[in-house]
Structure formats: C-alpha cells, structure tokens
Amino acid sequence: MKHNPDDRRDNVDKIQFNINQTIENMEKAKVTMDLTDDPNQKQAIKEKNRRRKDALDVFRNEIKDEADAQNRRCE
C-alpha cells in the first residue's frame, strides 16, 4: 500500500481560513443574539461563542507550531 506523503505546505492557510470563519461566525452569532429576546437562545449563543474563542486560541497555537516546523525544515 502506498502512503501519501505528509504535505503540510498549506496547513497555515487552512488554519487561517478556519480562524477567519470562526470569527465571522462569532460576529453573526452576536447579531443574532441582539435580535432575539429568548434568554435560552442568548445563553446558548454565549456558550457557543465561548467555545469558539477557545478554538481560536487553539488555532493560533497551531499556526505558531506550523511556522516553527517550517522554519526547522528550512534550516
């Protein structure tokens, strides 16, 4: 069986795309939260945005790790 090589060249771009999408989703959720009077929905949106913020921290750490890996490969 032939193994696919680990092609990491576009990982930073993919992670950055995910960051942008997550930020966009957070902003849309805030607008939705402002438009609703349902306290349960507001709470659900707040919790989801909290998880999204945590995900952003993870994404940013992944970008740093990828940049470090690319620098090591170039040395």
N, C-alpha and C. Protein backbone atom coordinates (compact mmCIF):
# COMPACT_ATOMS: atom_id res chain seq x y z
N MET A 1 0.84 -1.18 0.00
CA MET A 1 0.00 0.00 0.00
C MET A 1 0.89 1.25 0.00
N LYS A 2 0.57 2.18 -0.87
CA LYS A 2 1.34 3.41 -0.99
C LYS A 2 0.82 4.44 0.01
N HIS A 3 1.73 5.01 0.78
CA HIS A 3 1.36 6.03 1.77
C HIS A 3 1.45 7.40 1.13
N ASN A 4 0.49 8.24 1.46
CA ASN A 4 0.55 9.62 0.99
C ASN A 4 1.54 10.39 1.85
N PRO A 5 2.40 11.18 1.21
CA PRO A 5 3.35 11.97 1.99
C PRO A 5 2.59 13.03 2.80
N ASP A 6 3.17 13.42 3.91
CA ASP A 6 2.57 14.44 4.78
C ASP A 6 2.85 15.80 4.16
N ASP A 7 1.89 16.32 3.41
CA ASP A 7 2.05 17.61 2.74
C ASP A 7 1.48 18.70 3.64
N ARG A 8 2.37 19.41 4.27
CA ARG A 8 1.96 20.43 5.25
C ARG A 8 2.12 21.84 4.71
N ARG A 9 2.38 21.97 3.42
CA ARG A 9 2.67 23.29 2.87
C ARG A 9 1.54 24.29 3.04
N ASP A 10 0.29 23.82 3.00
CA ASP A 10 -0.82 24.77 3.08
C ASP A 10 -1.55 24.71 4.42
N ASN A 11 -0.95 24.09 5.42
CA ASN A 11 -1.60 23.99 6.73
C ASN A 11 -1.89 25.37 7.33
N VAL A 12 -0.92 26.28 7.23
CA VAL A 12 -1.12 27.61 7.80
C VAL A 12 -2.29 28.30 7.11
N ASP A 13 -2.39 28.17 5.80
CA ASP A 13 -3.50 28.77 5.07
C ASP A 13 -4.84 28.17 5.50
N LYS A 14 -4.87 26.86 5.68
CA LYS A 14 -6.11 26.20 6.11
C LYS A 14 -6.50 26.63 7.51
N ILE A 15 -5.53 26.72 8.39
CA ILE A 15 -5.81 27.14 9.76
C ILE A 15 -6.29 28.59 9.77
N GLN A 16 -5.64 29.44 8.97
CA GLN A 16 -6.05 30.85 8.91
C GLN A 16 -7.47 30.97 8.37
N PHE A 17 -7.82 30.14 7.39
CA PHE A 17 -9.18 30.12 6.87
C PHE A 17 -10.17 29.77 7.99
N ASN A 18 -9.82 28.76 8.79
CA ASN A 18 -10.68 28.36 9.91
C ASN A 18 -10.81 29.48 10.95
N ILE A 19 -9.74 30.20 11.18
CA ILE A 19 -9.79 31.34 12.11
C ILE A 19 -10.76 32.39 11.58
N ASN A 20 -10.62 32.71 10.31
CA ASN A 20 -11.49 33.73 9.71
C ASN A 20 -12.96 33.30 9.77
N GLN A 21 -13.22 32.05 9.47
CA GLN A 21 -14.60 31.54 9.51
C GLN A 21 -15.16 31.58 10.93
N THR A 22 -14.34 31.23 11.89
CA THR A 22 -14.78 31.22 13.28
C THR A 22 -15.10 32.64 13.75
N ILE A 23 -14.26 33.58 13.40
CA ILE A 23 -14.52 34.98 13.77
C ILE A 23 -15.80 35.47 13.10
N GLU A 24 -15.98 35.14 11.85
CA GLU A 24 -17.20 35.53 11.14
C GLU A 24 -18.44 34.92 11.81
N ASN A 25 -18.35 33.66 12.19
CA ASN A 25 -19.47 33.01 12.87
C ASN A 25 -19.76 33.65 14.22
N MET A 26 -18.72 34.06 14.93
CA MET A 26 -18.92 34.73 16.21
C MET A 26 -19.65 36.06 16.02
N GLU A 27 -19.26 36.79 14.99
CA GLU A 27 -19.89 38.08 14.72
C GLU A 27 -21.36 37.90 14.33
N LYS A 28 -21.64 36.91 13.50
CA LYS A 28 -23.02 36.64 13.12
C LYS A 28 -23.85 36.22 14.32
N ALA A 29 -23.25 35.44 15.20
CA ALA A 29 -23.96 34.99 16.40
C ALA A 29 -24.28 36.17 17.31
N LYS A 30 -23.36 37.13 17.40
CA LYS A 30 -23.62 38.32 18.22
C LYS A 30 -24.81 39.11 17.67
N VAL A 31 -24.88 39.22 16.35
CA VAL A 31 -26.02 39.91 15.73
C VAL A 31 -27.31 39.17 16.05
N THR A 32 -27.27 37.86 15.92
CA THR A 32 -28.45 37.05 16.23
C THR A 32 -28.85 37.22 17.69
N MET A 33 -27.86 37.26 18.56
CA MET A 33 -28.14 37.41 19.99
C MET A 33 -28.82 38.76 20.26
N ASP A 34 -28.39 39.80 19.56
CA ASP A 34 -29.01 41.11 19.74
C ASP A 34 -30.45 41.15 19.23
N LEU A 35 -30.77 40.27 18.29
CA LEU A 35 -32.10 40.28 17.68
C LEU A 35 -33.11 39.39 18.41
N THR A 36 -32.64 38.57 19.33
CA THR A 36 -33.55 37.64 20.00
C THR A 36 -33.87 38.09 21.42
N ASP A 37 -35.07 37.77 21.84
CA ASP A 37 -35.47 38.05 23.21
C ASP A 37 -35.46 36.78 24.06
N ASP A 38 -35.20 35.65 23.43
CA ASP A 38 -35.23 34.37 24.12
C ASP A 38 -33.97 34.20 24.98
N PRO A 39 -34.11 34.19 26.30
CA PRO A 39 -32.93 34.07 27.16
C PRO A 39 -32.19 32.74 26.98
N ASN A 40 -32.92 31.68 26.65
CA ASN A 40 -32.25 30.39 26.42
C ASN A 40 -31.38 30.43 25.18
N GLN A 41 -31.90 31.06 24.13
CA GLN A 41 -31.12 31.18 22.90
C GLN A 41 -29.90 32.08 23.12
N LYS A 42 -30.09 33.17 23.87
CA LYS A 42 -28.95 34.06 24.17
C LYS A 42 -27.86 33.31 24.93
N GLN A 43 -28.27 32.52 25.90
CA GLN A 43 -27.30 31.76 26.69
C GLN A 43 -26.58 30.73 25.82
N ALA A 44 -27.32 30.07 24.94
CA ALA A 44 -26.71 29.08 24.04
C ALA A 44 -25.69 29.75 23.12
N ILE A 45 -26.01 30.93 22.62
CA ILE A 45 -25.10 31.66 21.74
C ILE A 45 -23.84 32.07 22.52
N LYS A 46 -24.03 32.56 23.74
CA LYS A 46 -22.87 32.95 24.56
C LYS A 46 -21.94 31.76 24.79
N GLU A 47 -22.53 30.61 25.10
CA GLU A 47 -21.72 29.42 25.34
C GLU A 47 -20.99 28.97 24.08
N LYS A 48 -21.69 29.03 22.95
CA LYS A 48 -21.06 28.62 21.70
C LYS A 48 -19.92 29.57 21.34
N ASN A 49 -20.13 30.87 21.53
CA ASN A 49 -19.06 31.82 21.24
C ASN A 49 -17.89 31.64 22.19
N ARG A 50 -18.15 31.24 23.42
CA ARG A 50 -17.06 30.95 24.36
C ARG A 50 -16.22 29.77 23.84
N ARG A 51 -16.90 28.75 23.33
CA ARG A 51 -16.17 27.61 22.76
C ARG A 51 -15.41 28.02 21.50
N ARG A 52 -16.02 28.90 20.71
CA ARG A 52 -15.33 29.40 19.51
C ARG A 52 -14.07 30.16 19.90
N LYS A 53 -14.16 30.97 20.96
CA LYS A 53 -12.98 31.71 21.41
C LYS A 53 -11.88 30.74 21.84
N ASP A 54 -12.25 29.69 22.53
CA ASP A 54 -11.27 28.67 22.91
C ASP A 54 -10.64 28.04 21.67
N ALA A 55 -11.47 27.79 20.66
CA ALA A 55 -10.97 27.20 19.41
C ALA A 55 -10.00 28.16 18.72
N LEU A 56 -10.27 29.45 18.78
CA LEU A 56 -9.35 30.43 18.18
C LEU A 56 -7.98 30.36 18.84
N ASP A 57 -7.96 30.20 20.14
CA ASP A 57 -6.67 30.07 20.85
C ASP A 57 -5.92 28.84 20.35
N VAL A 58 -6.64 27.75 20.16
CA VAL A 58 -6.02 26.52 19.67
C VAL A 58 -5.50 26.72 18.24
N PHE A 59 -6.31 27.33 17.40
CA PHE A 59 -5.89 27.59 16.02
C PHE A 59 -4.62 28.44 15.99
N ARG A 60 -4.58 29.46 16.82
CA ARG A 60 -3.41 30.35 16.83
C ARG A 60 -2.16 29.60 17.28
N ASN A 61 -2.32 28.72 18.25
CA ASN A 61 -1.18 27.90 18.68
C ASN A 61 -0.74 26.96 17.56
N GLU A 62 -1.71 26.42 16.82
CA GLU A 62 -1.37 25.53 15.69
C GLU A 62 -0.59 26.29 14.62
N ILE A 63 -0.98 27.52 14.35
CA ILE A 63 -0.24 28.32 13.36
C ILE A 63 1.19 28.53 13.82
N LYS A 64 1.36 28.84 15.09
CA LYS A 64 2.71 29.02 15.63
C LYS A 64 3.52 27.73 15.49
N ASP A 65 2.91 26.60 15.83
CA ASP A 65 3.59 25.32 15.69
C ASP A 65 3.98 25.04 14.24
N GLU A 66 3.08 25.33 13.31
CA GLU A 66 3.37 25.12 11.89
C GLU A 66 4.50 26.03 11.43
N ALA A 67 4.47 27.28 11.85
CA ALA A 67 5.54 28.21 11.47
C ALA A 67 6.88 27.72 12.01
N ASP A 68 6.89 27.25 13.25
CA ASP A 68 8.13 26.71 13.84
C ASP A 68 8.61 25.50 13.05
N ALA A 69 7.69 24.62 12.67
CA ALA A 69 8.05 23.43 11.90
C ALA A 69 8.61 23.81 10.53
N GLN A 70 8.01 24.81 9.89
CA GLN A 70 8.50 25.25 8.59
C GLN A 70 9.90 25.84 8.72
N ASN A 71 10.13 26.60 9.78
CA ASN A 71 11.46 27.18 10.00
C ASN A 71 12.50 26.09 10.22
N ARG A 72 12.12 25.04 10.95
CA ARG A 72 13.08 23.94 11.19
C ARG A 72 13.39 23.20 9.87
N ARG A 73 12.39 23.07 9.01
CA ARG A 73 12.63 22.38 7.73
C ARG A 73 13.53 23.20 6.82
N CYS A 74 13.49 24.52 6.96
CA CYS A 74 14.27 25.39 6.09
C CYS A 74 15.72 25.54 6.56
N GLU A 75 15.99 25.12 7.78
CA GLU A 75 17.36 25.28 8.31
C GLU A 75 18.30 24.27 7.74
